[in-house]
Amino acid sequence: MISAAVTLVAVGPSGIEPLANAQEPISAESAVEQAIRQHVDARNAGDVVTLRNTACGAMAEDFRDFGPLVDLAIWWQGPGQGRQIQVERFATIDVTDQTAVADTEVRISTMAGLQDVSFMLEHSADGWRVCSTDRPIL
């Protein structure tokens, strides 16, 4: 008796990959959520490289000015200073052609209660990037 196994494959950027590993496309709204969470996580960690890669506009210019050895915690009063941000809820996400506005509720560890914060994003070839917020503390 002869038995055979068949594996479906696809050719991707990294060569031949099993088809089971292919990811489903995500919605623009989900991609915006992911971009904001990645950006906030990088702020909380003081990860300047990721901040540069997840920001655009004037915000990106701010992060370009930091060298690789800068203590972002001192600049932003984040790690070591007690200020951490956590996105608790995405109230609305409005996506147009290449821009998005996400209205969120965030918890800032140095403030009481939830804060309403709007994130403004732009879409580029690299994905969604955070350009600004309506709260200067972020």
Protein backbone atom coordinates (compact mmCIF):
# COMPACT_ATOMS: atom_id res chain seq x y z
CA MET A 1 0.00 0.00 0.00
CA ILE A 2 1.33 3.42 -0.96
CA SER A 3 0.31 6.57 0.86
CA ALA A 4 1.11 10.13 -0.08
CA ALA A 5 0.81 13.46 1.61
CA VAL A 6 0.07 16.60 -0.30
CA THR A 7 1.02 20.03 0.95
CA LEU A 8 -0.35 23.07 -0.80
CA VAL A 9 2.23 25.80 -1.17
CA ALA A 10 2.36 29.38 -2.37
CA VAL A 11 5.27 31.39 -3.65
CA GLY A 12 5.76 34.51 -1.55
CA PRO A 13 8.44 37.10 -0.91
CA SER A 14 10.44 34.65 1.19
CA GLY A 15 10.15 31.80 -1.28
CA ILE A 16 7.86 28.79 -1.11
CA GLU A 17 5.58 28.87 1.90
CA PRO A 18 2.87 26.47 3.05
CA LEU A 19 -0.53 27.79 2.04
CA ALA A 20 -1.82 27.23 5.57
CA ASN A 21 0.48 30.02 6.75
CA ALA A 22 -1.01 32.54 4.33
CA GLN A 23 -2.64 35.35 6.24
CA GLU A 24 -6.09 36.62 5.53
CA PRO A 25 -6.16 40.27 4.51
CA ILE A 26 -7.18 42.52 7.38
CA SER A 27 -9.55 45.44 7.18
CA ALA A 28 -8.25 49.01 7.05
CA GLU A 29 -9.80 49.60 10.47
CA SER A 30 -7.91 46.65 11.98
CA ALA A 31 -4.68 47.84 10.38
CA VAL A 32 -5.23 51.32 11.90
CA GLU A 33 -5.80 49.75 15.33
CA GLN A 34 -2.60 47.72 14.99
CA ALA A 35 -0.60 50.78 13.94
CA ILE A 36 -1.82 52.78 16.94
CA ARG A 37 -1.14 49.96 19.38
CA GLN A 38 2.37 49.45 17.95
CA HIS A 39 3.06 53.18 18.21
CA VAL A 40 1.78 53.42 21.80
CA ASP A 41 3.73 50.32 22.82
CA ALA A 42 6.90 51.86 21.36
CA ARG A 43 6.29 55.08 23.32
CA ASN A 44 5.79 53.11 26.52
CA ALA A 45 9.01 51.16 25.91
CA GLY A 46 11.07 54.16 24.78
CA ASP A 47 11.70 52.41 21.44
CA VAL A 48 12.86 55.32 19.26
CA VAL A 49 13.47 53.14 16.18
CA THR A 50 9.88 51.85 16.15
CA LEU A 51 8.56 55.35 16.86
CA ARG A 52 10.39 56.62 13.78
CA ASN A 53 8.91 53.80 11.72
CA THR A 54 5.35 54.28 12.96
CA ALA A 55 5.13 58.09 12.81
CA CYS A 56 4.62 60.62 10.01
CA GLY A 57 4.53 64.36 9.54
CA ALA A 58 5.75 66.62 12.34
CA MET A 59 5.67 63.72 14.78
CA ALA A 60 8.14 61.78 12.62
CA GLU A 61 10.38 64.86 12.47
CA ASP A 62 10.39 65.00 16.28
CA PHE A 63 11.63 61.41 16.51
CA ARG A 64 14.24 61.88 13.76
CA ASP A 65 15.98 64.40 15.99
CA PHE A 66 16.67 61.76 18.64
CA GLY A 67 19.93 59.86 18.40
CA PRO A 68 20.09 56.13 19.06
CA LEU A 69 21.27 56.67 22.63
CA VAL A 70 18.66 59.23 23.70
CA ASP A 71 16.75 58.51 26.87
CA LEU A 72 13.22 58.85 25.56
CA ALA A 73 11.92 58.34 29.09
CA ILE A 74 13.34 61.71 30.09
CA TRP A 75 11.86 63.44 27.04
CA TRP A 76 8.42 61.94 27.42
CA GLN A 77 8.38 61.04 31.10
CA GLY A 78 7.44 57.48 30.22
CA PRO A 79 9.35 54.46 31.56
CA GLY A 80 10.84 55.18 34.94
CA GLN A 81 8.60 58.22 35.37
CA GLY A 82 5.35 56.33 35.82
CA ARG A 83 3.54 57.57 32.70
CA GLN A 84 2.30 54.71 30.57
CA ILE A 85 -0.50 54.75 28.00
CA GLN A 86 -2.94 51.95 27.38
CA VAL A 87 -5.54 52.08 24.62
CA GLU A 88 -8.68 50.78 26.30
CA ARG A 89 -11.20 51.17 23.48
CA PHE A 90 -11.51 52.26 19.88
CA ALA A 91 -14.78 54.22 19.75
CA THR A 92 -14.74 54.98 16.02
CA ILE A 93 -12.30 54.64 13.16
CA ASP A 94 -12.98 56.66 10.02
CA VAL A 95 -10.86 55.64 7.05
CA THR A 96 -10.75 57.61 3.82
CA ASP A 97 -8.47 57.04 0.87
CA GLN A 98 -5.06 57.57 2.52
CA THR A 99 -5.99 59.01 5.92
CA ALA A 100 -7.72 57.81 9.06
CA VAL A 101 -8.97 59.27 12.32
CA ALA A 102 -9.38 56.94 15.29
CA ASP A 103 -11.29 58.15 18.33
CA THR A 104 -10.12 56.20 21.34
CA GLU A 105 -10.35 56.01 25.08
CA VAL A 106 -6.93 55.70 26.68
CA ARG A 107 -5.73 55.24 30.21
CA ILE A 108 -2.73 57.37 31.11
CA SER A 109 -1.20 56.12 34.31
CA THR A 110 -0.57 59.62 35.68
CA MET A 111 -4.16 60.79 35.12
CA ALA A 112 -7.46 59.76 36.67
CA GLY A 113 -10.03 57.98 34.53
CA LEU A 114 -10.14 57.44 30.80
CA GLN A 115 -9.09 60.16 28.39
CA ASP A 116 -10.65 60.71 24.96
CA VAL A 117 -7.88 60.87 22.36
CA SER A 118 -8.09 61.13 18.58
CA PHE A 119 -5.21 59.73 16.51
CA MET A 120 -4.68 61.02 12.98
CA LEU A 121 -2.93 58.62 10.59
CA GLU A 122 -1.72 58.50 7.00
CA HIS A 123 -1.29 55.46 4.81
CA SER A 124 2.00 54.96 3.00
CA ALA A 125 3.65 52.12 1.12
CA ASP A 126 4.81 50.86 4.55
CA GLY A 127 1.32 50.86 6.05
CA TRP A 128 -0.47 53.16 8.48
CA ARG A 129 1.52 55.73 10.45
CA VAL A 130 0.48 57.98 13.34
CA CYS A 131 0.92 61.65 12.37
CA SER A 132 -0.65 63.42 15.33
CA THR A 133 -3.10 63.30 18.19
CA ASP A 134 -5.47 65.91 19.55
CA ARG A 135 -3.69 65.67 22.92
CA PRO A 136 -0.23 67.22 23.22
CA ILE A 137 0.67 64.84 26.07
CA LEU A 138 0.77 62.00 23.56
